[in-house]
């Protein structure tokens, strides 16, 4: 099967997230040439991207730049992965050293393409991720280093649902279950159930340990609270 015919099996809509309009336009043209998406949305900030995902449940592919004005590090990727669990997320970034690529994949990205790559590389990336495999640039070497702990924290945080992420953010603010229940207009027993699930997913046994993991990944700085 040719690369083009394989890529067309990616259905649904797509989203390009980059704060440079010219690059958004270029990537939109690239996506149109390598697949048959119904609609290709664009967003210049993470919040705008989350709004697009919320409004369109048929987004199946996301091209994401890591360097957005309202994002710190990989926080944007983690939030988009939580908001769009079925979408294939491919990072397109100029920050393409081995350590960054490794962290992005472990945080939930399906693929990583350097911004300066040719159109054929994006096509290869889509062909790869649609099969359930990760795509990394040629010559990538997965590093063993100091970021292993943070990589693991990001990966675990990426498994939280939107509601669990909101509750974890409120826990980070020092709020008790009763206060969280009031803020989110849910029952306190529901909050307790979510807290238990959060600790299980993060592999911890206390709220304090959950907060430490969230702080380590700078997760609490970008999560919604009362949305």
C-alpha atoms as a PDB file:
ATOM      1  CA  UNK A   1       0.000   0.000   0.000  1.00  0.00           C
ATOM      2  CA  UNK A   2       1.404   3.426  -0.867  1.00  0.00           C
ATOM      3  CA  UNK A   3       2.023   6.103   1.747  1.00  0.00           C
ATOM      4  CA  UNK A   4      -0.729   8.331   0.416  1.00  0.00           C
ATOM      5  CA  UNK A   5      -3.398   5.621   0.390  1.00  0.00           C
ATOM      6  CA  UNK A   6      -2.386   4.548   3.894  1.00  0.00           C
ATOM      7  CA  UNK A   7      -2.598   8.074   5.226  1.00  0.00           C
ATOM      8  CA  UNK A   8      -6.105   8.584   3.912  1.00  0.00           C
ATOM      9  CA  UNK A   9      -7.355   6.033   6.441  1.00  0.00           C
ATOM     10  CA  UNK A  10      -7.093   8.777   9.068  1.00  0.00           C
ATOM     11  CA  UNK A  11     -10.685  10.020   9.210  1.00  0.00           C
ATOM     12  CA  UNK A  12     -12.490  12.732  11.116  1.00  0.00           C
ATOM     13  CA  UNK A  13     -11.242  16.264  11.652  1.00  0.00           C
ATOM     14  CA  UNK A  14      -7.836  17.677  12.549  1.00  0.00           C
ATOM     15  CA  UNK A  15      -6.428  20.520  14.637  1.00  0.00           C
ATOM     16  CA  UNK A  16      -3.220  22.498  14.132  1.00  0.00           C
ATOM     17  CA  UNK A  17      -1.979  24.306  17.251  1.00  0.00           C
ATOM     18  CA  UNK A  18       0.724  26.911  16.658  1.00  0.00           C
ATOM     19  CA  UNK A  19       0.985  30.604  17.490  1.00  0.00           C
ATOM     20  CA  UNK A  20       2.580  31.452  14.120  1.00  0.00           C
ATOM     21  CA  UNK A  21      -0.191  31.935  11.503  1.00  0.00           C
ATOM     22  CA  UNK A  22       2.121  31.197   8.572  1.00  0.00           C
ATOM     23  CA  UNK A  23       3.139  27.864  10.042  1.00  0.00           C
ATOM     24  CA  UNK A  24      -0.513  27.046  10.766  1.00  0.00           C
ATOM     25  CA  UNK A  25      -1.309  27.716   7.110  1.00  0.00           C
ATOM     26  CA  UNK A  26       1.625  25.601   5.918  1.00  0.00           C
ATOM     27  CA  UNK A  27       0.661  22.670   8.134  1.00  0.00           C
ATOM     28  CA  UNK A  28      -2.973  22.908   7.070  1.00  0.00           C
ATOM     29  CA  UNK A  29      -1.882  22.574   3.444  1.00  0.00           C
ATOM     30  CA  UNK A  30       0.354  19.655   4.406  1.00  0.00           C
ATOM     31  CA  UNK A  31      -2.510  17.846   6.151  1.00  0.00           C
ATOM     32  CA  UNK A  32      -4.797  18.396   3.166  1.00  0.00           C
ATOM     33  CA  UNK A  33      -2.182  16.840   0.889  1.00  0.00           C
ATOM     34  CA  UNK A  34      -1.527  13.706   2.952  1.00  0.00           C
ATOM     35  CA  UNK A  35      -4.972  12.807   4.293  1.00  0.00           C
ATOM     36  CA  UNK A  36      -8.696  13.398   3.831  1.00  0.00           C
ATOM     37  CA  UNK A  37      -9.752  15.197   6.990  1.00  0.00           C
ATOM     38  CA  UNK A  38     -13.219  16.722   6.987  1.00  0.00           C
ATOM     39  CA  UNK A  39     -12.296  19.982   8.708  1.00  0.00           C
ATOM     40  CA  UNK A  40      -8.903  21.295   9.784  1.00  0.00           C
ATOM     41  CA  UNK A  41      -9.143  23.693  12.710  1.00  0.00           C
ATOM     42  CA  UNK A  42      -6.338  26.007  13.832  1.00  0.00           C
ATOM     43  CA  UNK A  43      -5.538  27.522  17.230  1.00  0.00           C
ATOM     44  CA  UNK A  44      -2.835  29.892  18.416  1.00  0.00           C
ATOM     45  CA  UNK A  45      -2.987  29.084  22.135  1.00  0.00           C
ATOM     46  CA  UNK A  46      -3.576  26.039  24.294  1.00  0.00           C
ATOM     47  CA  UNK A  47      -6.841  27.437  25.639  1.00  0.00           C
ATOM     48  CA  UNK A  48      -8.114  28.010  22.099  1.00  0.00           C
ATOM     49  CA  UNK A  49      -7.086  24.461  21.224  1.00  0.00           C
ATOM     50  CA  UNK A  50      -8.975  23.056  24.206  1.00  0.00           C
ATOM     51  CA  UNK A  51     -12.029  25.044  23.132  1.00  0.00           C
ATOM     52  CA  UNK A  52     -11.798  23.497  19.644  1.00  0.00           C
ATOM     53  CA  UNK A  53     -11.508  19.993  21.104  1.00  0.00           C
ATOM     54  CA  UNK A  54     -14.478  20.645  23.390  1.00  0.00           C
ATOM     55  CA  UNK A  55     -16.585  21.918  20.497  1.00  0.00           C
ATOM     56  CA  UNK A  56     -15.643  19.173  18.010  1.00  0.00           C
ATOM     57  CA  UNK A  57     -15.680  15.602  19.298  1.00  0.00           C
ATOM     58  CA  UNK A  58     -14.616  14.324  15.863  1.00  0.00           C
ATOM     59  CA  UNK A  59     -11.043  15.658  16.039  1.00  0.00           C
ATOM     60  CA  UNK A  60      -8.833  12.641  15.391  1.00  0.00           C
ATOM     61  CA  UNK A  61      -5.463  14.273  14.724  1.00  0.00           C
ATOM     62  CA  UNK A  62      -3.657  17.140  16.439  1.00  0.00           C
ATOM     63  CA  UNK A  63      -0.430  18.809  15.346  1.00  0.00           C
ATOM     64  CA  UNK A  64       0.963  20.629  18.374  1.00  0.00           C
ATOM     65  CA  UNK A  65       3.783  23.119  18.806  1.00  0.00           C
ATOM     66  CA  UNK A  66       5.267  22.975  22.304  1.00  0.00           C
ATOM     67  CA  UNK A  67       6.200  26.658  22.384  1.00  0.00           C
ATOM     68  CA  UNK A  68       2.830  28.344  22.973  1.00  0.00           C
ATOM     69  CA  UNK A  69       2.292  31.622  24.865  1.00  0.00           C
ATOM     70  CA  UNK A  70       0.110  30.005  27.562  1.00  0.00           C
ATOM     71  CA  UNK A  71       2.076  26.791  28.056  1.00  0.00           C
ATOM     72  CA  UNK A  72       4.992  25.744  30.245  1.00  0.00           C
ATOM     73  CA  UNK A  73       6.969  22.791  28.886  1.00  0.00           C
ATOM     74  CA  UNK A  74       4.883  19.705  28.223  1.00  0.00           C
ATOM     75  CA  UNK A  75       1.845  20.848  30.210  1.00  0.00           C
ATOM     76  CA  UNK A  76      -0.075  21.633  27.025  1.00  0.00           C
ATOM     77  CA  UNK A  77       0.507  18.162  25.657  1.00  0.00           C
ATOM     78  CA  UNK A  78      -0.692  16.565  28.887  1.00  0.00           C
ATOM     79  CA  UNK A  79      -3.879  18.636  28.908  1.00  0.00           C
ATOM     80  CA  UNK A  80      -4.652  17.966  25.253  1.00  0.00           C
ATOM     81  CA  UNK A  81      -4.052  14.244  25.727  1.00  0.00           C
ATOM     82  CA  UNK A  82      -6.532  14.291  28.606  1.00  0.00           C
ATOM     83  CA  UNK A  83      -9.070  16.334  26.643  1.00  0.00           C
ATOM     84  CA  UNK A  84      -8.757  14.303  23.427  1.00  0.00           C
ATOM     85  CA  UNK A  85      -7.846  10.726  24.408  1.00  0.00           C
ATOM     86  CA  UNK A  86      -8.779   9.264  21.000  1.00  0.00           C
ATOM     87  CA  UNK A  87      -6.847  11.771  18.900  1.00  0.00           C
ATOM     88  CA  UNK A  88      -3.416  11.112  17.459  1.00  0.00           C
ATOM     89  CA  UNK A  89      -1.138  13.886  18.711  1.00  0.00           C
ATOM     90  CA  UNK A  90       1.990  14.704  16.744  1.00  0.00           C
ATOM     91  CA  UNK A  91       4.408  17.291  18.102  1.00  0.00           C
ATOM     92  CA  UNK A  92       5.885  19.687  15.536  1.00  0.00           C
ATOM     93  CA  UNK A  93       8.595  21.638  17.300  1.00  0.00           C
ATOM     94  CA  UNK A  94      11.956  23.277  16.758  1.00  0.00           C
ATOM     95  CA  UNK A  95      12.987  21.895  20.172  1.00  0.00           C
ATOM     96  CA  UNK A  96      13.864  18.473  18.783  1.00  0.00           C
ATOM     97  CA  UNK A  97      16.762  17.176  20.870  1.00  0.00           C
ATOM     98  CA  UNK A  98      16.640  13.546  21.980  1.00  0.00           C
ATOM     99  CA  UNK A  99      15.636  14.343  25.549  1.00  0.00           C
ATOM    100  CA  UNK A 100      12.701  16.530  24.501  1.00  0.00           C
ATOM    101  CA  UNK A 101      11.476  13.916  22.019  1.00  0.00           C
ATOM    102  CA  UNK A 102      11.676  11.213  24.676  1.00  0.00           C
ATOM    103  CA  UNK A 103       9.783  13.300  27.231  1.00  0.00           C
ATOM    104  CA  UNK A 104       7.067  14.194  24.718  1.00  0.00           C
ATOM    105  CA  UNK A 105       6.451  10.553  23.783  1.00  0.00           C
ATOM    106  CA  UNK A 106       6.337   9.505  27.427  1.00  0.00           C
ATOM    107  CA  UNK A 107       3.930  12.367  28.191  1.00  0.00           C
ATOM    108  CA  UNK A 108       1.397  11.121  25.641  1.00  0.00           C
ATOM    109  CA  UNK A 109       2.465  12.218  22.158  1.00  0.00           C
ATOM    110  CA  UNK A 110       2.021   9.683  19.374  1.00  0.00           C
ATOM    111  CA  UNK A 111       4.787  11.184  17.286  1.00  0.00           C
ATOM    112  CA  UNK A 112       7.386  13.931  17.052  1.00  0.00           C
ATOM    113  CA  UNK A 113       8.387  15.772  13.868  1.00  0.00           C
ATOM    114  CA  UNK A 114      11.001  18.578  13.817  1.00  0.00           C
ATOM    115  CA  UNK A 115       9.502  21.794  12.445  1.00  0.00           C
ATOM    116  CA  UNK A 116      12.067  21.979   9.680  1.00  0.00           C
ATOM    117  CA  UNK A 117      11.137  18.526   8.351  1.00  0.00           C
ATOM    118  CA  UNK A 118       9.905  18.000   4.791  1.00  0.00           C
ATOM    119  CA  UNK A 119       6.271  17.182   3.980  1.00  0.00           C
ATOM    120  CA  UNK A 120       7.197  13.536   3.358  1.00  0.00           C
ATOM    121  CA  UNK A 121       8.259  13.210   7.006  1.00  0.00           C
ATOM    122  CA  UNK A 122       4.840  14.372   8.202  1.00  0.00           C
ATOM    123  CA  UNK A 123       3.245  11.854   5.869  1.00  0.00           C
ATOM    124  CA  UNK A 124       5.475   9.116   7.277  1.00  0.00           C
ATOM    125  CA  UNK A 125       4.540  10.203  10.790  1.00  0.00           C
ATOM    126  CA  UNK A 126       0.811   9.885  10.058  1.00  0.00           C
ATOM    127  CA  UNK A 127       1.318   6.519   8.388  1.00  0.00           C
ATOM    128  CA  UNK A 128       3.113   5.324  11.517  1.00  0.00           C
ATOM    129  CA  UNK A 129       0.819   6.655  14.251  1.00  0.00           C
ATOM    130  CA  UNK A 130      -2.363   5.437  12.551  1.00  0.00           C
ATOM    131  CA  UNK A 131      -1.084   1.864  13.128  1.00  0.00           C
ATOM    132  CA  UNK A 132      -0.730   2.513  16.849  1.00  0.00           C
ATOM    133  CA  UNK A 133       3.046   2.943  16.795  1.00  0.00           C
ATOM    134  CA  UNK A 134       5.049   5.982  17.850  1.00  0.00           C
ATOM    135  CA  UNK A 135       6.900   8.050  15.268  1.00  0.00           C
ATOM    136  CA  UNK A 136      10.267   9.620  16.077  1.00  0.00           C
ATOM    137  CA  UNK A 137      12.735  11.337  13.733  1.00  0.00           C
ATOM    138  CA  UNK A 138      15.474   9.373  12.018  1.00  0.00           C
ATOM    139  CA  UNK A 139      18.542   9.137  14.236  1.00  0.00           C
ATOM    140  CA  UNK A 140      16.615   9.514  17.498  1.00  0.00           C
ATOM    141  CA  UNK A 141      18.264   7.848  20.498  1.00  0.00           C
ATOM    142  CA  UNK A 142      16.212   7.475  23.674  1.00  0.00           C
ATOM    143  CA  UNK A 143      18.397   8.960  26.411  1.00  0.00           C
ATOM    144  CA  UNK A 144      18.793   7.602  29.919  1.00  0.00           C
ATOM    145  CA  UNK A 145      19.174  10.530  32.253  1.00  0.00           C
ATOM    146  CA  UNK A 146      17.979  12.757  35.022  1.00  0.00           C
ATOM    147  CA  UNK A 147      14.537  13.419  33.539  1.00  0.00           C
ATOM    148  CA  UNK A 148      13.299   9.857  34.074  1.00  0.00           C
ATOM    149  CA  UNK A 149      11.335  10.752  37.218  1.00  0.00           C
ATOM    150  CA  UNK A 150       9.600  13.729  35.608  1.00  0.00           C
ATOM    151  CA  UNK A 151       8.904  11.719  32.458  1.00  0.00           C
ATOM    152  CA  UNK A 152       7.136   9.105  34.575  1.00  0.00           C
ATOM    153  CA  UNK A 153       5.166  11.786  36.429  1.00  0.00           C
ATOM    154  CA  UNK A 154       3.958  13.310  33.153  1.00  0.00           C
ATOM    155  CA  UNK A 155       2.960   9.905  31.827  1.00  0.00           C
ATOM    156  CA  UNK A 156       0.898   9.112  34.919  1.00  0.00           C
ATOM    157  CA  UNK A 157      -0.712  12.560  35.011  1.00  0.00           C
ATOM    158  CA  UNK A 158      -1.733  12.074  31.395  1.00  0.00           C
ATOM    159  CA  UNK A 159      -4.009   9.187  32.424  1.00  0.00           C
ATOM    160  CA  UNK A 160      -6.278  11.435  34.518  1.00  0.00           C
ATOM    161  CA  UNK A 161      -9.725  12.366  33.242  1.00  0.00           C
ATOM    162  CA  UNK A 162     -10.688  16.047  32.968  1.00  0.00           C
ATOM    163  CA  UNK A 163     -12.638  15.892  36.231  1.00  0.00           C
ATOM    164  CA  UNK A 164      -9.794  14.120  38.021  1.00  0.00           C
ATOM    165  CA  UNK A 165      -7.361  16.742  36.713  1.00  0.00           C
ATOM    166  CA  UNK A 166      -9.571  19.548  38.070  1.00  0.00           C
ATOM    167  CA  UNK A 167      -9.796  17.834  41.447  1.00  0.00           C
ATOM    168  CA  UNK A 168      -6.029  17.314  41.592  1.00  0.00           C
ATOM    169  CA  UNK A 169      -5.548  21.009  40.849  1.00  0.00           C
ATOM    170  CA  UNK A 170      -7.837  21.929  43.747  1.00  0.00           C
ATOM    171  CA  UNK A 171      -5.986  19.492  46.003  1.00  0.00           C
ATOM    172  CA  UNK A 172      -2.791  21.307  45.036  1.00  0.00           C
ATOM    173  CA  UNK A 173      -4.458  24.522  46.239  1.00  0.00           C
ATOM    174  CA  UNK A 174      -4.930  22.899  49.653  1.00  0.00           C
ATOM    175  CA  UNK A 175      -8.686  22.427  49.455  1.00  0.00           C
ATOM    176  CA  UNK A 176     -10.475  19.676  51.352  1.00  0.00           C
ATOM    177  CA  UNK A 177     -12.982  17.258  49.821  1.00  0.00           C
ATOM    178  CA  UNK A 178     -15.931  19.283  51.121  1.00  0.00           C
ATOM    179  CA  UNK A 179     -14.595  22.473  49.519  1.00  0.00           C
ATOM    180  CA  UNK A 180     -13.859  20.678  46.249  1.00  0.00           C
ATOM    181  CA  UNK A 181     -17.395  19.264  46.192  1.00  0.00           C
ATOM    182  CA  UNK A 182     -18.786  22.778  46.619  1.00  0.00           C
ATOM    183  CA  UNK A 183     -16.527  24.287  43.931  1.00  0.00           C
ATOM    184  CA  UNK A 184     -17.402  21.609  41.367  1.00  0.00           C
ATOM    185  CA  UNK A 185     -21.071  21.202  42.396  1.00  0.00           C
ATOM    186  CA  UNK A 186     -20.743  17.469  42.998  1.00  0.00           C
ATOM    187  CA  UNK A 187     -21.280  15.205  46.008  1.00  0.00           C
ATOM    188  CA  UNK A 188     -18.497  14.822  48.546  1.00  0.00           C
ATOM    189  CA  UNK A 189     -18.666  11.044  48.106  1.00  0.00           C
ATOM    190  CA  UNK A 190     -18.002  11.565  44.407  1.00  0.00           C
ATOM    191  CA  UNK A 191     -14.937  13.649  45.250  1.00  0.00           C
ATOM    192  CA  UNK A 192     -13.668  10.899  47.545  1.00  0.00           C
ATOM    193  CA  UNK A 193     -14.085   8.337  44.785  1.00  0.00           C
ATOM    194  CA  UNK A 194     -12.153  10.553  42.360  1.00  0.00           C
ATOM    195  CA  UNK A 195      -9.369  11.137  44.903  1.00  0.00           C
ATOM    196  CA  UNK A 196      -9.011   7.397  45.362  1.00  0.00           C
ATOM    197  CA  UNK A 197      -8.822   6.931  41.585  1.00  0.00           C
ATOM    198  CA  UNK A 198      -6.271   9.754  41.270  1.00  0.00           C
ATOM    199  CA  UNK A 199      -3.982   8.212  43.881  1.00  0.00           C
ATOM    200  CA  UNK A 200      -4.298   4.803  42.241  1.00  0.00           C
ATOM    201  CA  UNK A 201      -3.386   6.189  38.804  1.00  0.00           C
ATOM    202  CA  UNK A 202      -0.451   8.163  40.200  1.00  0.00           C
ATOM    203  CA  UNK A 203       0.771   5.198  42.237  1.00  0.00           C
ATOM    204  CA  UNK A 204       0.718   7.079  45.555  1.00  0.00           C
ATOM    205  CA  UNK A 205      -0.873   6.522  48.949  1.00  0.00           C
ATOM    206  CA  UNK A 206      -1.553  10.066  50.129  1.00  0.00           C
ATOM    207  CA  UNK A 207      -2.781  13.426  48.901  1.00  0.00           C
ATOM    208  CA  UNK A 208       0.615  14.930  49.756  1.00  0.00           C
ATOM    209  CA  UNK A 209       2.393  12.526  47.424  1.00  0.00           C
ATOM    210  CA  UNK A 210      -0.111  13.324  44.658  1.00  0.00           C
ATOM    211  CA  UNK A 211       0.583  17.040  45.106  1.00  0.00           C
ATOM    212  CA  UNK A 212       4.341  16.448  44.900  1.00  0.00           C
ATOM    213  CA  UNK A 213       3.961  14.619  41.602  1.00  0.00           C
ATOM    214  CA  UNK A 214       1.764  17.392  40.183  1.00  0.00           C
ATOM    215  CA  UNK A 215       4.204  20.076  41.317  1.00  0.00           C
ATOM    216  CA  UNK A 216       7.157  18.158  39.905  1.00  0.00           C
ATOM    217  CA  UNK A 217       5.565  18.255  36.452  1.00  0.00           C
ATOM    218  CA  UNK A 218       4.284  21.868  36.864  1.00  0.00           C
ATOM    219  CA  UNK A 219       0.851  20.379  36.117  1.00  0.00           C
ATOM    220  CA  UNK A 220      -1.155  22.561  38.499  1.00  0.00           C
ATOM    221  CA  UNK A 221      -0.215  25.843  36.796  1.00  0.00           C
ATOM    222  CA  UNK A 222      -2.285  25.222  33.681  1.00  0.00           C
ATOM    223  CA  UNK A 223      -5.233  23.104  34.801  1.00  0.00           C
ATOM    224  CA  UNK A 224      -8.793  24.467  34.855  1.00  0.00           C
ATOM    225  CA  UNK A 225     -10.536  24.726  38.192  1.00  0.00           C
ATOM    226  CA  UNK A 226     -14.189  25.689  37.832  1.00  0.00           C
ATOM    227  CA  UNK A 227     -14.752  25.052  34.122  1.00  0.00           C
END
